[in-house]
C-alpha atoms as a PDB file:
ATOM      1  CA  UNK A   1      -0.001   0.002   0.002  1.00  0.00           C
ATOM      2  CA  UNK A   2       1.415   3.399  -0.989  1.00  0.00           C
ATOM      3  CA  UNK A   3       1.240   6.338   1.386  1.00  0.00           C
ATOM      4  CA  UNK A   4      -0.356   9.530   0.090  1.00  0.00           C
ATOM      5  CA  UNK A   5       0.492  11.776   3.078  1.00  0.00           C
ATOM      6  CA  UNK A   6       3.516  12.405   5.269  1.00  0.00           C
ATOM      7  CA  UNK A   7       2.016  11.191   8.529  1.00  0.00           C
ATOM      8  CA  UNK A   8       3.074  13.217  11.553  1.00  0.00           C
ATOM      9  CA  UNK A   9       4.623  16.100   9.580  1.00  0.00           C
ATOM     10  CA  UNK A  10       1.881  18.555  10.510  1.00  0.00           C
ATOM     11  CA  UNK A  11       2.930  20.932  13.287  1.00  0.00           C
ATOM     12  CA  UNK A  12      -0.057  23.261  13.129  1.00  0.00           C
ATOM     13  CA  UNK A  13      -3.082  22.902  15.382  1.00  0.00           C
ATOM     14  CA  UNK A  14      -5.629  23.171  12.570  1.00  0.00           C
ATOM     15  CA  UNK A  15      -3.393  21.938   9.728  1.00  0.00           C
ATOM     16  CA  UNK A  16      -3.292  18.668   7.826  1.00  0.00           C
ATOM     17  CA  UNK A  17      -0.441  16.332   6.925  1.00  0.00           C
ATOM     18  CA  UNK A  18       1.153  17.333   3.594  1.00  0.00           C
ATOM     19  CA  UNK A  19       0.520  15.226   0.502  1.00  0.00           C
ATOM     20  CA  UNK A  20       3.387  13.267  -1.038  1.00  0.00           C
ATOM     21  CA  UNK A  21       4.162  14.671  -4.485  1.00  0.00           C
ATOM     22  CA  UNK A  22       5.871  12.969  -7.438  1.00  0.00           C
ATOM     23  CA  UNK A  23       9.675  13.190  -7.405  1.00  0.00           C
ATOM     24  CA  UNK A  24       9.646  15.675 -10.287  1.00  0.00           C
ATOM     25  CA  UNK A  25       7.820  18.215  -8.084  1.00  0.00           C
ATOM     26  CA  UNK A  26      10.718  18.494  -5.612  1.00  0.00           C
ATOM     27  CA  UNK A  27      13.873  20.610  -6.199  1.00  0.00           C
ATOM     28  CA  UNK A  28      17.024  18.853  -7.429  1.00  0.00           C
ATOM     29  CA  UNK A  29      19.105  19.866  -4.379  1.00  0.00           C
ATOM     30  CA  UNK A  30      16.814  17.835  -2.134  1.00  0.00           C
ATOM     31  CA  UNK A  31      18.098  14.549  -3.558  1.00  0.00           C
ATOM     32  CA  UNK A  32      21.706  15.431  -2.682  1.00  0.00           C
ATOM     33  CA  UNK A  33      21.245  16.341   0.997  1.00  0.00           C
ATOM     34  CA  UNK A  34      22.482  12.974   2.242  1.00  0.00           C
ATOM     35  CA  UNK A  35      25.460  12.713  -0.125  1.00  0.00           C
ATOM     36  CA  UNK A  36      28.759  12.189   1.670  1.00  0.00           C
ATOM     37  CA  UNK A  37      30.973  15.275   1.681  1.00  0.00           C
ATOM     38  CA  UNK A  38      34.731  15.194   2.294  1.00  0.00           C
ATOM     39  CA  UNK A  39      36.030  15.715   5.823  1.00  0.00           C
ATOM     40  CA  UNK A  40      38.517  18.444   6.694  1.00  0.00           C
ATOM     41  CA  UNK A  41      41.381  15.952   6.859  1.00  0.00           C
ATOM     42  CA  UNK A  42      40.631  14.772   3.313  1.00  0.00           C
ATOM     43  CA  UNK A  43      40.372  18.344   2.052  1.00  0.00           C
ATOM     44  CA  UNK A  44      43.722  19.258   3.654  1.00  0.00           C
ATOM     45  CA  UNK A  45      45.424  16.467   1.668  1.00  0.00           C
ATOM     46  CA  UNK A  46      44.199  17.954  -1.636  1.00  0.00           C
ATOM     47  CA  UNK A  47      45.741  20.847  -3.495  1.00  0.00           C
ATOM     48  CA  UNK A  48      43.599  23.872  -2.744  1.00  0.00           C
ATOM     49  CA  UNK A  49      43.950  25.158  -6.305  1.00  0.00           C
ATOM     50  CA  UNK A  50      42.324  22.024  -7.734  1.00  0.00           C
ATOM     51  CA  UNK A  51      39.318  21.884  -5.396  1.00  0.00           C
ATOM     52  CA  UNK A  52      35.872  22.555  -6.861  1.00  0.00           C
ATOM     53  CA  UNK A  53      34.193  25.701  -5.551  1.00  0.00           C
ATOM     54  CA  UNK A  54      31.804  23.843  -3.211  1.00  0.00           C
ATOM     55  CA  UNK A  55      34.659  21.854  -1.661  1.00  0.00           C
ATOM     56  CA  UNK A  56      36.738  25.024  -1.311  1.00  0.00           C
ATOM     57  CA  UNK A  57      33.910  26.740   0.552  1.00  0.00           C
ATOM     58  CA  UNK A  58      33.580  23.687   2.803  1.00  0.00           C
ATOM     59  CA  UNK A  59      37.348  23.652   3.433  1.00  0.00           C
ATOM     60  CA  UNK A  60      37.388  27.323   4.482  1.00  0.00           C
ATOM     61  CA  UNK A  61      34.409  26.846   6.775  1.00  0.00           C
ATOM     62  CA  UNK A  62      35.762  23.707   8.452  1.00  0.00           C
ATOM     63  CA  UNK A  63      39.295  25.105   8.721  1.00  0.00           C
ATOM     64  CA  UNK A  64      38.038  28.302  10.370  1.00  0.00           C
ATOM     65  CA  UNK A  65      35.934  26.268  12.781  1.00  0.00           C
ATOM     66  CA  UNK A  66      38.934  24.078  13.702  1.00  0.00           C
ATOM     67  CA  UNK A  67      41.177  27.113  14.274  1.00  0.00           C
ATOM     68  CA  UNK A  68      38.548  28.767  16.497  1.00  0.00           C
ATOM     69  CA  UNK A  69      38.200  25.600  18.575  1.00  0.00           C
ATOM     70  CA  UNK A  70      41.978  25.329  18.911  1.00  0.00           C
ATOM     71  CA  UNK A  71      42.301  28.990  19.972  1.00  0.00           C
ATOM     72  CA  UNK A  72      39.497  28.583  22.492  1.00  0.00           C
ATOM     73  CA  UNK A  73      41.115  25.500  24.046  1.00  0.00           C
ATOM     74  CA  UNK A  74      44.487  27.271  24.290  1.00  0.00           C
ATOM     75  CA  UNK A  75      42.836  30.282  25.991  1.00  0.00           C
ATOM     76  CA  UNK A  76      40.944  27.988  28.380  1.00  0.00           C
ATOM     77  CA  UNK A  77      44.186  26.306  29.498  1.00  0.00           C
ATOM     78  CA  UNK A  78      45.805  29.658  30.381  1.00  0.00           C
END
């Protein structure tokens, strides 16, 4: 039996559960949300010049986050 509604997805008091639409009705990015993305250690092993734009953005974000955590731990020890 196929489901026609997303049971339990309604958060509104007077609302109804949303209907399940055909796959073509959803945006393309939705199907890539669970794709594996490279970790910071894997990105550090690559040449930065050869990284695709999305991986470069991810590298900068993760590297900044790691440096902030490191700085905070050093400050906490002092």
